[in-house]
Structure formats: C-alpha cells, structure tokens
Amino acid sequence: MGRLVMYTVLGALAFFVLSATFVVKHGNGSTQTAAVTVHDLQVQPSAFKGKVVHLVGTLGYSQEARQYQLVDDMHQAVVVRGGDAEVLRGLEGKAVNISGRFDFDSATGMYINADLVKEGN
C-alpha cells in the first residue's frame, strides 16, 4: 500500500513538472502581440523568432523579388508573406499595420507571416 501511494505521488509530481515546463515553453497558448520596429527585428531577430509581432510602415511590392515588403521611415524592410493578395494590392504604397508571426531564413531573410494587414492611420 505504501508503494502505491509513493508511486502515485511521484507520478503526479512528474505530471506537474512536465505540464509546467510545457506551459512556460509554449506561453500557455498566448498570442500576445509585441509592437516592434523593423530596426528591432534587424538588431535582435532571434529574440522575436516565432513570436507574433505588430509593425507599422508602408506596404511596397518588389518586382525584382516578387514579394511584398513593409518599409519603415528609415527605409528598412521586412518581407510580408501571406495575407489576401487583393487586399495587399489595394494597400500597396499606403501606410499599413501588420500583425503576424516573425521568422527568418537564409533564402528569404526576415519575414512576417501576416495574419492581419490593414490600412494605417
């Protein structure tokens, strides 16, 4: 009987530790958006990798690269992936607010998988 109680307590403790580790590592499903600048992303890309970020800038389209980019006041850009193509075309050259998950790779560089693209103020 004593072993049963001990193993039950150890099992419950192991479950608690694993659950707490998962919640801490994965943010408890939180999708809080961090308001950042393109400069912030360039300076510390690993700090924002995989996080949902919010950027403000001008939406442009690069004919050369065939991709949309958000350009800030300092003429720094980040690639915008996803989003509705018609909406993006309609916002080309306008101030926009973009929210999405930030990432980077060697082929594209820095990019945002846009969840929300809307006209800015």
PDB file of N, CA and C in Angstrom:
ATOM      1  N   MET A   1       0.824  -1.197   0.000  1.00  0.00           N
ATOM      2  CA  MET A   1       0.000   0.000   0.000  1.00  0.00           C
ATOM      3  C   MET A   1       0.868   1.262   0.000  1.00  0.00           C
ATOM      4  N   GLY A   2       1.962   1.237   0.745  1.00  0.00           N
ATOM      5  CA  GLY A   2       2.853   2.393   0.818  1.00  0.00           C
ATOM      6  C   GLY A   2       3.515   2.702  -0.523  1.00  0.00           C
ATOM      7  N   ARG A   3       3.875   1.636  -1.246  1.00  0.00           N
ATOM      8  CA  ARG A   3       4.481   1.835  -2.562  1.00  0.00           C
ATOM      9  C   ARG A   3       3.490   2.462  -3.538  1.00  0.00           C
ATOM     10  N   LEU A   4       2.260   2.047  -3.474  1.00  0.00           N
ATOM     11  CA  LEU A   4       1.221   2.589  -4.348  1.00  0.00           C
ATOM     12  C   LEU A   4       1.072   4.093  -4.128  1.00  0.00           C
ATOM     13  N   VAL A   5       1.037   4.514  -2.889  1.00  0.00           N
ATOM     14  CA  VAL A   5       0.926   5.943  -2.573  1.00  0.00           C
ATOM     15  C   VAL A   5       2.172   6.679  -3.053  1.00  0.00           C
ATOM     16  N   MET A   6       3.348   6.098  -2.804  1.00  0.00           N
ATOM     17  CA  MET A   6       4.586   6.752  -3.213  1.00  0.00           C
ATOM     18  C   MET A   6       4.635   6.902  -4.739  1.00  0.00           C
ATOM     19  N   TYR A   7       4.298   5.840  -5.500  1.00  0.00           N
ATOM     20  CA  TYR A   7       4.331   5.915  -6.956  1.00  0.00           C
ATOM     21  C   TYR A   7       3.265   6.877  -7.495  1.00  0.00           C
ATOM     22  N   THR A   8       2.133   6.939  -6.850  1.00  0.00           N
ATOM     23  CA  THR A   8       1.085   7.879  -7.246  1.00  0.00           C
ATOM     24  C   THR A   8       1.554   9.317  -7.052  1.00  0.00           C
ATOM     25  N   VAL A   9       2.174   9.596  -5.920  1.00  0.00           N
ATOM     26  CA  VAL A   9       2.692  10.939  -5.642  1.00  0.00           C
ATOM     27  C   VAL A   9       3.803  11.294  -6.629  1.00  0.00           C
ATOM     28  N   LEU A  10       4.710  10.366  -6.904  1.00  0.00           N
ATOM     29  CA  LEU A  10       5.783  10.617  -7.870  1.00  0.00           C
ATOM     30  C   LEU A  10       5.223  10.851  -9.276  1.00  0.00           C
ATOM     31  N   GLY A  11       4.226  10.066  -9.654  1.00  0.00           N
ATOM     32  CA  GLY A  11       3.587  10.253 -10.960  1.00  0.00           C
ATOM     33  C   GLY A  11       2.919  11.613 -11.065  1.00  0.00           C
ATOM     34  N   ALA A  12       2.207  12.021 -10.024  1.00  0.00           N
ATOM     35  CA  ALA A  12       1.550  13.327 -10.013  1.00  0.00           C
ATOM     36  C   ALA A  12       2.583  14.452 -10.067  1.00  0.00           C
ATOM     37  N   LEU A  13       3.681  14.292  -9.351  1.00  0.00           N
ATOM     38  CA  LEU A  13       4.740  15.291  -9.362  1.00  0.00           C
ATOM     39  C   LEU A  13       5.375  15.399 -10.755  1.00  0.00           C
ATOM     40  N   ALA A  14       5.639  14.259 -11.383  1.00  0.00           N
ATOM     41  CA  ALA A  14       6.216  14.263 -12.731  1.00  0.00           C
ATOM     42  C   ALA A  14       5.256  14.930 -13.718  1.00  0.00           C
ATOM     43  N   PHE A  15       3.964  14.620 -13.608  1.00  0.00           N
ATOM     44  CA  PHE A  15       2.969  15.253 -14.471  1.00  0.00           C
ATOM     45  C   PHE A  15       2.961  16.766 -14.270  1.00  0.00           C
ATOM     46  N   PHE A  16       3.012  17.221 -13.031  1.00  0.00           N
ATOM     47  CA  PHE A  16       3.019  18.653 -12.737  1.00  0.00           C
ATOM     48  C   PHE A  16       4.250  19.333 -13.350  1.00  0.00           C
ATOM     49  N   VAL A  17       5.414  18.727 -13.184  1.00  0.00           N
ATOM     50  CA  VAL A  17       6.651  19.314 -13.713  1.00  0.00           C
ATOM     51  C   VAL A  17       6.598  19.384 -15.241  1.00  0.00           C
ATOM     52  N   LEU A  18       6.170  18.323 -15.890  1.00  0.00           N
ATOM     53  CA  LEU A  18       6.069  18.325 -17.351  1.00  0.00           C
ATOM     54  C   LEU A  18       5.038  19.340 -17.838  1.00  0.00           C
ATOM     55  N   SER A  19       3.911  19.432 -17.159  1.00  0.00           N
ATOM     56  CA  SER A  19       2.885  20.406 -17.538  1.00  0.00           C
ATOM     57  C   SER A  19       3.390  21.826 -17.384  1.00  0.00           C
ATOM     58  N   ALA A  20       4.048  22.111 -16.276  1.00  0.00           N
ATOM     59  CA  ALA A  20       4.579  23.454 -16.033  1.00  0.00           C
ATOM     60  C   ALA A  20       5.632  23.812 -17.075  1.00  0.00           C
ATOM     61  N   THR A  21       6.481  22.854 -17.438  1.00  0.00           N
ATOM     62  CA  THR A  21       7.506  23.093 -18.453  1.00  0.00           C
ATOM     63  C   THR A  21       6.860  23.402 -19.789  1.00  0.00           C
ATOM     64  N   PHE A  22       5.843  22.652 -20.169  1.00  0.00           N
ATOM     65  CA  PHE A  22       5.145  22.886 -21.429  1.00  0.00           C
ATOM     66  C   PHE A  22       4.498  24.264 -21.451  1.00  0.00           C
ATOM     67  N   VAL A  23       3.825  24.641 -20.373  1.00  0.00           N
ATOM     68  CA  VAL A  23       3.145  25.941 -20.311  1.00  0.00           C
ATOM     69  C   VAL A  23       4.158  27.080 -20.409  1.00  0.00           C
ATOM     70  N   VAL A  24       5.256  26.971 -19.713  1.00  0.00           N
ATOM     71  CA  VAL A  24       6.276  28.020 -19.758  1.00  0.00           C
ATOM     72  C   VAL A  24       6.897  28.110 -21.147  1.00  0.00           C
ATOM     73  N   LYS A  25       7.200  26.970 -21.739  1.00  0.00           N
ATOM     74  CA  LYS A  25       7.853  26.959 -23.046  1.00  0.00           C
ATOM     75  C   LYS A  25       6.939  27.456 -24.159  1.00  0.00           C
ATOM     76  N   HIS A  26       5.659  27.131 -24.109  1.00  0.00           N
ATOM     77  CA  HIS A  26       4.744  27.457 -25.191  1.00  0.00           C
ATOM     78  C   HIS A  26       3.819  28.618 -24.871  1.00  0.00           C
ATOM     79  N   GLY A  27       4.044  29.305 -23.795  1.00  0.00           N
ATOM     80  CA  GLY A  27       3.304  30.532 -23.495  1.00  0.00           C
ATOM     81  C   GLY A  27       1.840  30.332 -23.190  1.00  0.00           C
ATOM     82  N   ASN A  28       1.451  29.132 -22.791  1.00  0.00           N
ATOM     83  CA  ASN A  28       0.072  28.874 -22.412  1.00  0.00           C
ATOM     84  C   ASN A  28      -0.899  29.249 -23.532  1.00  0.00           C
ATOM     85  N   GLY A  29      -0.454  29.125 -24.801  1.00  0.00           N
ATOM     86  CA  GLY A  29      -1.321  29.449 -25.923  1.00  0.00           C
ATOM     87  C   GLY A  29      -1.462  30.940 -26.149  1.00  0.00           C
ATOM     88  N   SER A  30      -0.709  31.725 -25.461  1.00  0.00           N
ATOM     89  CA  SER A  30      -0.813  33.172 -25.567  1.00  0.00           C
ATOM     90  C   SER A  30      -0.324  33.648 -26.927  1.00  0.00           C
ATOM     91  N   THR A  31      -1.075  34.559 -27.512  1.00  0.00           N
ATOM     92  CA  THR A  31      -0.659  35.143 -28.785  1.00  0.00           C
ATOM     93  C   THR A  31      -0.547  36.655 -28.627  1.00  0.00           C
ATOM     94  N   GLN A  32      -0.006  37.078 -27.516  1.00  0.00           N
ATOM     95  CA  GLN A  32       0.172  38.499 -27.312  1.00  0.00           C
ATOM     96  C   GLN A  32       1.074  39.047 -28.398  1.00  0.00           C
ATOM     97  N   THR A  33       0.690  40.199 -28.900  1.00  0.00           N
ATOM     98  CA  THR A  33       1.430  40.822 -29.980  1.00  0.00           C
ATOM     99  C   THR A  33       2.425  41.824 -29.410  1.00  0.00           C
ATOM    100  N   ALA A  34       3.662  41.745 -29.876  1.00  0.00           N
ATOM    101  CA  ALA A  34       4.687  42.695 -29.462  1.00  0.00           C
ATOM    102  C   ALA A  34       4.809  43.769 -30.539  1.00  0.00           C
ATOM    103  N   ALA A  35       4.616  45.034 -30.159  1.00  0.00           N
ATOM    104  CA  ALA A  35       4.789  46.141 -31.098  1.00  0.00           C
ATOM    105  C   ALA A  35       6.290  46.398 -31.240  1.00  0.00           C
ATOM    106  N   VAL A  36       6.796  46.228 -32.460  1.00  0.00           N
ATOM    107  CA  VAL A  36       8.227  46.379 -32.715  1.00  0.00           C
ATOM    108  C   VAL A  36       8.443  47.210 -33.968  1.00  0.00           C
ATOM    109  N   THR A  37       9.690  47.553 -34.205  1.00  0.00           N
ATOM    110  CA  THR A  37      10.078  48.237 -35.432  1.00  0.00           C
ATOM    111  C   THR A  37      10.912  47.277 -36.273  1.00  0.00           C
ATOM    112  N   VAL A  38      11.072  47.603 -37.542  1.00  0.00           N
ATOM    113  CA  VAL A  38      11.920  46.779 -38.400  1.00  0.00           C
ATOM    114  C   VAL A  38      13.340  46.779 -37.843  1.00  0.00           C
ATOM    115  N   HIS A  39      13.769  47.919 -37.312  1.00  0.00           N
ATOM    116  CA  HIS A  39      15.102  48.012 -36.720  1.00  0.00           C
ATOM    117  C   HIS A  39      15.254  47.020 -35.565  1.00  0.00           C
ATOM    118  N   ASP A  40      14.231  46.924 -34.697  1.00  0.00           N
ATOM    119  CA  ASP A  40      14.269  45.966 -33.585  1.00  0.00           C
ATOM    120  C   ASP A  40      14.471  44.543 -34.113  1.00  0.00           C
ATOM    121  N   LEU A  41      13.768  44.213 -35.181  1.00  0.00           N
ATOM    122  CA  LEU A  41      13.869  42.873 -35.758  1.00  0.00           C
ATOM    123  C   LEU A  41      15.248  42.617 -36.346  1.00  0.00           C
ATOM    124  N   GLN A  42      15.847  43.652 -36.935  1.00  0.00           N
ATOM    125  CA  GLN A  42      17.177  43.504 -37.533  1.00  0.00           C
ATOM    126  C   GLN A  42      18.259  43.370 -36.469  1.00  0.00           C
ATOM    127  N   VAL A  43      18.095  44.099 -35.376  1.00  0.00           N
ATOM    128  CA  VAL A  43      19.107  44.086 -34.322  1.00  0.00           C
ATOM    129  C   VAL A  43      19.082  42.780 -33.532  1.00  0.00           C
ATOM    130  N   GLN A  44      17.891  42.285 -33.204  1.00  0.00           N
ATOM    131  CA  GLN A  44      17.769  41.060 -32.402  1.00  0.00           C
ATOM    132  C   GLN A  44      16.743  40.104 -33.009  1.00  0.00           C
ATOM    133  N   PRO A  45      17.008  39.575 -34.192  1.00  0.00           N
ATOM    134  CA  PRO A  45      15.998  38.705 -34.819  1.00  0.00           C
ATOM    135  C   PRO A  45      15.667  37.460 -33.998  1.00  0.00           C
ATOM    136  N   SER A  46      16.647  36.892 -33.331  1.00  0.00           N
ATOM    137  CA  SER A  46      16.381  35.669 -32.563  1.00  0.00           C
ATOM    138  C   SER A  46      15.459  35.921 -31.372  1.00  0.00           C
ATOM    139  N   ALA A  47      15.424  37.150 -30.864  1.00  0.00           N
ATOM    140  CA  ALA A  47      14.546  37.474 -29.738  1.00  0.00           C
ATOM    141  C   ALA A  47      13.076  37.466 -30.144  1.00  0.00           C
ATOM    142  N   PHE A  48      12.801  37.647 -31.437  1.00  0.00           N
ATOM    143  CA  PHE A  48      11.419  37.718 -31.912  1.00  0.00           C
ATOM    144  C   PHE A  48      11.016  36.509 -32.757  1.00  0.00           C
ATOM    145  N   LYS A  49      11.949  35.628 -33.033  1.00  0.00           N
ATOM    146  CA  LYS A  49      11.678  34.462 -33.895  1.00  0.00           C
ATOM    147  C   LYS A  49      10.514  33.652 -33.341  1.00  0.00           C
ATOM    148  N   GLY A  50       9.514  33.419 -34.180  1.00  0.00           N
ATOM    149  CA  GLY A  50       8.354  32.635 -33.787  1.00  0.00           C
ATOM    150  C   GLY A  50       7.307  33.388 -32.999  1.00  0.00           C
ATOM    151  N   LYS A  51       7.558  34.659 -32.700  1.00  0.00           N
ATOM    152  CA  LYS A  51       6.607  35.450 -31.920  1.00  0.00           C
ATOM    153  C   LYS A  51       5.715  36.272 -32.836  1.00  0.00           C
ATOM    154  N   VAL A  52       4.520  36.580 -32.341  1.00  0.00           N
ATOM    155  CA  VAL A  52       3.604  37.438 -33.081  1.00  0.00           C
ATOM    156  C   VAL A  52       4.017  38.885 -32.826  1.00  0.00           C
ATOM    157  N   VAL A  53       4.269  39.608 -33.924  1.00  0.00           N
ATOM    158  CA  VAL A  53       4.711  40.994 -33.821  1.00  0.00           C
ATOM    159  C   VAL A  53       3.744  41.905 -34.573  1.00  0.00           C
ATOM    160  N   HIS A  54       3.780  43.168 -34.224  1.00  0.00           N
ATOM    161  CA  HIS A  54       2.954  44.193 -34.871  1.00  0.00           C
ATOM    162  C   HIS A  54       3.883  45.278 -35.390  1.00  0.00           C
ATOM    163  N   LEU A  55       3.767  45.580 -36.674  1.00  0.00           N
ATOM    164  CA  LEU A  55       4.613  46.590 -37.308  1.00  0.00           C
ATOM    165  C   LEU A  55       3.763  47.632 -38.010  1.00  0.00           C
ATOM    166  N   VAL A  56       4.301  48.830 -38.100  1.00  0.00           N
ATOM    167  CA  VAL A  56       3.665  49.921 -38.831  1.00  0.00           C
ATOM    168  C   VAL A  56       4.660  50.401 -39.869  1.00  0.00           C
ATOM    169  N   GLY A  57       4.178  50.655 -41.077  1.00  0.00           N
ATOM    170  CA  GLY A  57       5.042  51.146 -42.148  1.00  0.00           C
ATOM    171  C   GLY A  57       4.268  51.283 -43.432  1.00  0.00           C
ATOM    172  N   THR A  58       4.990  51.344 -44.530  1.00  0.00           N
ATOM    173  CA  THR A  58       4.381  51.470 -45.850  1.00  0.00           C
ATOM    174  C   THR A  58       4.539  50.145 -46.582  1.00  0.00           C
ATOM    175  N   LEU A  59       3.444  49.670 -47.164  1.00  0.00           N
ATOM    176  CA  LEU A  59       3.488  48.413 -47.892  1.00  0.00           C
ATOM    177  C   LEU A  59       3.971  48.665 -49.312  1.00  0.00           C
ATOM    178  N   GLY A  60       4.985  47.933 -49.705  1.00  0.00           N
ATOM    179  CA  GLY A  60       5.517  48.046 -51.056  1.00  0.00           C
ATOM    180  C   GLY A  60       5.611  46.686 -51.699  1.00  0.00           C
ATOM    181  N   TYR A  61       5.777  46.677 -53.013  1.00  0.00           N
ATOM    182  CA  TYR A  61       5.935  45.428 -53.742  1.00  0.00           C
ATOM    183  C   TYR A  61       7.230  45.490 -54.524  1.00  0.00           C
ATOM    184  N   SER A  62       8.058  44.482 -54.373  1.00  0.00           N
ATOM    185  CA  SER A  62       9.318  44.403 -55.092  1.00  0.00           C
ATOM    186  C   SER A  62       9.109  43.569 -56.349  1.00  0.00           C
ATOM    187  N   GLN A  63       9.183  44.208 -57.513  1.00  0.00           N
ATOM    188  CA  GLN A  63       9.055  43.497 -58.785  1.00  0.00           C
ATOM    189  C   GLN A  63      10.204  42.494 -58.940  1.00  0.00           C
ATOM    190  N   GLU A  64      11.366  42.929 -58.509  1.00  0.00           N
ATOM    191  CA  GLU A  64      12.566  42.102 -58.623  1.00  0.00           C
ATOM    192  C   GLU A  64      12.432  40.786 -57.853  1.00  0.00           C
ATOM    193  N   ALA A  65      12.005  40.889 -56.595  1.00  0.00           N
ATOM    194  CA  ALA A  65      11.883  39.701 -55.743  1.00  0.00           C
ATOM    195  C   ALA A  65      10.482  39.089 -55.798  1.00  0.00           C
ATOM    196  N   ARG A  66       9.535  39.812 -56.390  1.00  0.00           N
ATOM    197  CA  ARG A  66       8.141  39.379 -56.474  1.00  0.00           C
ATOM    198  C   ARG A  66       7.556  39.061 -55.109  1.00  0.00           C
ATOM    199  N   GLN A  67       7.706  40.031 -54.208  1.00  0.00           N
ATOM    200  CA  GLN A  67       7.170  39.861 -52.864  1.00  0.00           C
ATOM    201  C   GLN A  67       6.833  41.210 -52.257  1.00  0.00           C
ATOM    202  N   TYR A  68       5.897  41.184 -51.327  1.00  0.00           N
ATOM    203  CA  TYR A  68       5.518  42.404 -50.612  1.00  0.00           C
ATOM    204  C   TYR A  68       6.502  42.632 -49.475  1.00  0.00           C
ATOM    205  N   GLN A  69       6.683  43.918 -49.165  1.00  0.00           N
ATOM    206  CA  GLN A  69       7.573  44.297 -48.074  1.00  0.00           C
ATOM    207  C   GLN A  69       6.945  45.434 -47.288  1.00  0.00           C
ATOM    208  N   LEU A  70       7.200  45.427 -46.000  1.00  0.00           N
ATOM    209  CA  LEU A  70       6.826  46.556 -45.159  1.00  0.00           C
ATOM    210  C   LEU A  70       8.081  47.394 -44.993  1.00  0.00           C
ATOM    211  N   VAL A  71       7.994  48.664 -45.362  1.00  0.00           N
ATOM    212  CA  VAL A  71       9.144  49.564 -45.296  1.00  0.00           C
ATOM    213  C   VAL A  71       8.851  50.625 -44.237  1.00  0.00           C
ATOM    214  N   ASP A  72       9.810  50.842 -43.343  1.00  0.00           N
ATOM    215  CA  ASP A  72       9.605  51.846 -42.294  1.00  0.00           C
ATOM    216  C   ASP A  72      10.163  53.202 -42.724  1.00  0.00           C
ATOM    217  N   ASP A  73      10.109  54.171 -41.825  1.00  0.00           N
ATOM    218  CA  ASP A  73      10.571  55.533 -42.110  1.00  0.00           C
ATOM    219  C   ASP A  73      12.067  55.601 -42.384  1.00  0.00           C
ATOM    220  N   MET A  74      12.818  54.607 -41.905  1.00  0.00           N
ATOM    221  CA  MET A  74      14.265  54.582 -42.103  1.00  0.00           C
ATOM    222  C   MET A  74      14.643  53.793 -43.364  1.00  0.00           C
ATOM    223  N   HIS A  75      13.632  53.433 -44.177  1.00  0.00           N
ATOM    224  CA  HIS A  75      13.805  52.673 -45.421  1.00  0.00           C
ATOM    225  C   HIS A  75      14.345  51.264 -45.176  1.00  0.00           C
ATOM    226  N   GLN A  76      14.048  50.719 -43.997  1.00  0.00           N
ATOM    227  CA  GLN A  76      14.384  49.334 -43.681  1.00  0.00           C
ATOM    228  C   GLN A  76      13.151  48.496 -43.976  1.00  0.00           C
ATOM    229  N   ALA A  77      13.358  47.295 -44.502  1.00  0.00           N
ATOM    230  CA  ALA A  77      12.217  46.494 -44.942  1.00  0.00           C
ATOM    231  C   ALA A  77      12.223  45.098 -44.338  1.00  0.00           C
ATOM    232  N   VAL A  78      11.026  44.535 -44.255  1.00  0.00           N
ATOM    233  CA  VAL A  78      10.828  43.145 -43.873  1.00  0.00           C
ATOM    234  C   VAL A  78       9.804  42.565 -44.851  1.00  0.00           C
ATOM    235  N   VAL A  79      10.044  41.352 -45.311  1.00  0.00           N
ATOM    236  CA  VAL A  79       9.162  40.691 -46.276  1.00  0.00           C
ATOM    237  C   VAL A  79       7.840  40.335 -45.600  1.00  0.00           C
ATOM    238  N   VAL A  80       6.752  40.504 -46.343  1.00  0.00           N
ATOM    239  CA  VAL A  80       5.423  40.155 -45.849  1.00  0.00           C
ATOM    240  C   VAL A  80       4.941  38.940 -46.639  1.00  0.00           C
ATOM    241  N   ARG A  81       4.713  37.840 -45.941  1.00  0.00           N
ATOM    242  CA  ARG A  81       4.169  36.629 -46.553  1.00  0.00           C
ATOM    243  C   ARG A  81       2.725  36.471 -46.108  1.00  0.00           C
ATOM    244  N   GLY A  82       1.955  35.771 -46.899  1.00  0.00           N
ATOM    245  CA  GLY A  82       0.564  35.519 -46.532  1.00  0.00           C
ATOM    246  C   GLY A  82      -0.292  36.740 -46.781  1.00  0.00           C
ATOM    247  N   GLY A  83      -1.456  36.747 -46.221  1.00  0.00           N
ATOM    248  CA  GLY A  83      -2.385  37.842 -46.442  1.00  0.00           C
ATOM    249  C   GLY A  83      -3.129  37.649 -47.755  1.00  0.00           C
ATOM    250  N   ASP A  84      -4.244  38.300 -47.883  1.00  0.00           N
ATOM    251  CA  ASP A  84      -5.067  38.232 -49.083  1.00  0.00           C
ATOM    252  C   ASP A  84      -4.409  39.064 -50.184  1.00  0.00           C
ATOM    253  N   ALA A  85      -4.146  38.459 -51.326  1.00  0.00           N
ATOM    254  CA  ALA A  85      -3.446  39.131 -52.431  1.00  0.00           C
ATOM    255  C   ALA A  85      -4.175  40.382 -52.886  1.00  0.00           C
ATOM    256  N   GLU A  86      -5.506  40.344 -52.960  1.00  0.00           N
ATOM    257  CA  GLU A  86      -6.268  41.516 -53.388  1.00  0.00           C
ATOM    258  C   GLU A  86      -6.160  42.646 -52.377  1.00  0.00           C
ATOM    259  N   VAL A  87      -6.231  42.301 -51.120  1.00  0.00           N
ATOM    260  CA  VAL A  87      -6.103  43.312 -50.054  1.00  0.00           C
ATOM    261  C   VAL A  87      -4.720  43.947 -50.120  1.00  0.00           C
ATOM    262  N   LEU A  88      -3.686  43.116 -50.275  1.00  0.00           N
ATOM    263  CA  LEU A  88      -2.321  43.634 -50.343  1.00  0.00           C
ATOM    264  C   LEU A  88      -2.151  44.566 -51.545  1.00  0.00           C
ATOM    265  N   ARG A  89      -2.683  44.185 -52.709  1.00  0.00           N
ATOM    266  CA  ARG A  89      -2.587  45.048 -53.893  1.00  0.00           C
ATOM    267  C   ARG A  89      -3.258  46.387 -53.655  1.00  0.00           C
ATOM    268  N   GLY A  90      -4.398  46.354 -52.971  1.00  0.00           N
ATOM    269  CA  GLY A  90      -5.130  47.588 -52.681  1.00  0.00           C
ATOM    270  C   GLY A  90      -4.416  48.491 -51.693  1.00  0.00           C
ATOM    271  N   LEU A  91      -3.541  47.926 -50.872  1.00  0.00           N
ATOM    272  CA  LEU A  91      -2.827  48.713 -49.856  1.00  0.00           C
ATOM    273  C   LEU A  91      -1.417  49.098 -50.288  1.00  0.00           C
ATOM    274  N   GLU A  92      -1.018  48.685 -51.477  1.00  0.00           N
ATOM    275  CA  GLU A  92       0.324  48.983 -51.975  1.00  0.00           C
ATOM    276  C   GLU A  92       0.573  50.497 -51.982  1.00  0.00           C
ATOM    277  N   GLY A  93       1.705  50.897 -51.379  1.00  0.00           N
ATOM    278  CA  GLY A  93       2.069  52.307 -51.314  1.00  0.00           C
ATOM    279  C   GLY A  93       1.399  53.078 -50.195  1.00  0.00           C
ATOM    280  N   LYS A  94       0.593  52.415 -49.387  1.00  0.00           N
ATOM    281  CA  LYS A  94      -0.128  53.077 -48.286  1.00  0.00           C
ATOM    282  C   LYS A  94       0.472  52.677 -46.936  1.00  0.00           C
ATOM    283  N   ALA A  95       0.186  53.505 -45.939  1.00  0.00           N
ATOM    284  CA  ALA A  95       0.583  53.181 -44.565  1.00  0.00           C
ATOM    285  C   ALA A  95      -0.285  52.026 -44.083  1.00  0.00           C
ATOM    286  N   VAL A  96       0.349  51.028 -43.471  1.00  0.00           N
ATOM    287  CA  VAL A  96      -0.376  49.849 -43.009  1.00  0.00           C
ATOM    288  C   VAL A  96       0.072  49.434 -41.612  1.00  0.00           C
ATOM    289  N   ASN A  97      -0.792  48.664 -40.979  1.00  0.00           N
ATOM    290  CA  ASN A  97      -0.489  47.980 -39.725  1.00  0.00           C
ATOM    291  C   ASN A  97      -0.502  46.493 -40.053  1.00  0.00           C
ATOM    292  N   ILE A  98       0.550  45.790 -39.686  1.00  0.00           N
ATOM    293  CA  ILE A  98       0.657  44.364 -39.971  1.00  0.00           C
ATOM    294  C   ILE A  98       0.950  43.616 -38.679  1.00  0.00           C
ATOM    295  N   SER A  99       0.207  42.543 -38.476  1.00  0.00           N
ATOM    296  CA  SER A  99       0.462  41.639 -37.354  1.00  0.00           C
ATOM    297  C   SER A  99       0.649  40.245 -37.915  1.00  0.00           C
ATOM    298  N   GLY A 100       1.626  39.535 -37.365  1.00  0.00           N
ATOM    299  CA  GLY A 100       1.874  38.170 -37.796  1.00  0.00           C
ATOM    300  C   GLY A 100       3.080  37.589 -37.100  1.00  0.00           C
ATOM    301  N   ARG A 101       3.331  36.344 -37.384  1.00  0.00           N
ATOM    302  CA  ARG A 101       4.445  35.634 -36.762  1.00  0.00           C
ATOM    303  C   ARG A 101       5.741  35.939 -37.506  1.00  0.00           C
ATOM    304  N   PHE A 102       6.762  36.346 -36.772  1.00  0.00           N
ATOM    305  CA  PHE A 102       8.058  36.720 -37.337  1.00  0.00           C
ATOM    306  C   PHE A 102       8.960  35.500 -37.438  1.00  0.00           C
ATOM    307  N   ASP A 103       9.717  35.460 -38.528  1.00  0.00           N
ATOM    308  CA  ASP A 103      10.698  34.389 -38.698  1.00  0.00           C
ATOM    309  C   ASP A 103      11.768  34.866 -39.673  1.00  0.00           C
ATOM    310  N   PHE A 104      12.806  34.079 -39.834  1.00  0.00           N
ATOM    311  CA  PHE A 104      13.849  34.397 -40.808  1.00  0.00           C
ATOM    312  C   PHE A 104      14.512  33.111 -41.259  1.00  0.00           C
ATOM    313  N   ASP A 105      15.026  33.157 -42.488  1.00  0.00           N
ATOM    314  CA  ASP A 105      15.795  32.033 -43.015  1.00  0.00           C
ATOM    315  C   ASP A 105      16.812  32.575 -44.010  1.00  0.00           C
ATOM    316  N   SER A 106      17.707  31.700 -44.449  1.00  0.00           N
ATOM    317  CA  SER A 106      18.786  32.151 -45.327  1.00  0.00           C
ATOM    318  C   SER A 106      18.292  32.507 -46.725  1.00  0.00           C
ATOM    319  N   ALA A 107      17.217  31.896 -47.188  1.00  0.00           N
ATOM    320  CA  ALA A 107      16.716  32.168 -48.539  1.00  0.00           C
ATOM    321  C   ALA A 107      15.967  33.489 -48.625  1.00  0.00           C
ATOM    322  N   THR A 108      15.103  33.772 -47.659  1.00  0.00           N
ATOM    323  CA  THR A 108      14.253  34.963 -47.693  1.00  0.00           C
ATOM    324  C   THR A 108      14.808  36.106 -46.865  1.00  0.00           C
ATOM    325  N   GLY A 109      15.472  35.798 -45.798  1.00  0.00           N
ATOM    326  CA  GLY A 109      15.860  36.811 -44.824  1.00  0.00           C
ATOM    327  C   GLY A 109      14.742  36.924 -43.793  1.00  0.00           C
ATOM    328  N   MET A 110      14.478  38.136 -43.338  1.00  0.00           N
ATOM    329  CA  MET A 110      13.438  38.361 -42.335  1.00  0.00           C
ATOM    330  C   MET A 110      12.080  38.423 -43.018  1.00  0.00           C
ATOM    331  N   TYR A 111      11.076  37.804 -42.383  1.00  0.00           N
ATOM    332  CA  TYR A 111       9.731  37.885 -42.940  1.00  0.00           C
ATOM    333  C   TYR A 111       8.686  37.748 -41.848  1.00  0.00           C
ATOM    334  N   ILE A 112       7.491  38.190 -42.197  1.00  0.00           N
ATOM    335  CA  ILE A 112       6.349  38.070 -41.310  1.00  0.00           C
ATOM    336  C   ILE A 112       5.283  37.279 -42.040  1.00  0.00           C
ATOM    337  N   ASN A 113       4.781  36.230 -41.406  1.00  0.00           N
ATOM    338  CA  ASN A 113       3.617  35.508 -41.918  1.00  0.00           C
ATOM    339  C   ASN A 113       2.399  36.292 -41.433  1.00  0.00           C
ATOM    340  N   ALA A 114       1.882  37.144 -42.288  1.00  0.00           N
ATOM    341  CA  ALA A 114       0.864  38.108 -41.897  1.00  0.00           C
ATOM    342  C   ALA A 114      -0.477  37.438 -41.606  1.00  0.00           C
ATOM    343  N   ASP A 115      -1.001  37.731 -40.432  1.00  0.00           N
ATOM    344  CA  ASP A 115      -2.350  37.323 -40.052  1.00  0.00           C
ATOM    345  C   ASP A 115      -3.315  38.457 -40.294  1.00  0.00           C
ATOM    346  N   LEU A 116      -2.839  39.679 -40.109  1.00  0.00           N
ATOM    347  CA  LEU A 116      -3.686  40.862 -40.228  1.00  0.00           C
ATOM    348  C   LEU A 116      -2.913  41.958 -40.954  1.00  0.00           C
ATOM    349  N   VAL A 117      -3.494  42.464 -42.018  1.00  0.00           N
ATOM    350  CA  VAL A 117      -2.934  43.614 -42.745  1.00  0.00           C
ATOM    351  C   VAL A 117      -4.084  44.596 -42.927  1.00  0.00           C
ATOM    352  N   LYS A 118      -3.930  45.778 -42.354  1.00  0.00           N
ATOM    353  CA  LYS A 118      -4.984  46.781 -42.520  1.00  0.00           C
ATOM    354  C   LYS A 118      -4.370  48.154 -42.717  1.00  0.00           C
ATOM    355  N   GLU A 119      -5.145  49.034 -43.313  1.00  0.00           N
ATOM    356  CA  GLU A 119      -4.662  50.377 -43.577  1.00  0.00           C
ATOM    357  C   GLU A 119      -4.400  51.096 -42.260  1.00  0.00           C
ATOM    358  N   GLY A 120      -3.271  51.810 -42.235  1.00  0.00           N
ATOM    359  CA  GLY A 120      -2.869  52.524 -41.030  1.00  0.00           C
ATOM    360  C   GLY A 120      -3.498  53.905 -40.967  1.00  0.00           C
ATOM    361  N   ASN A 121      -3.091  54.629 -39.964  1.00  0.00           N
ATOM    362  CA  ASN A 121      -3.628  55.987 -39.760  1.00  0.00           C
ATOM    363  C   ASN A 121      -2.944  56.988 -40.634  1.00  0.00           C
TER     364      ASN A 121
END
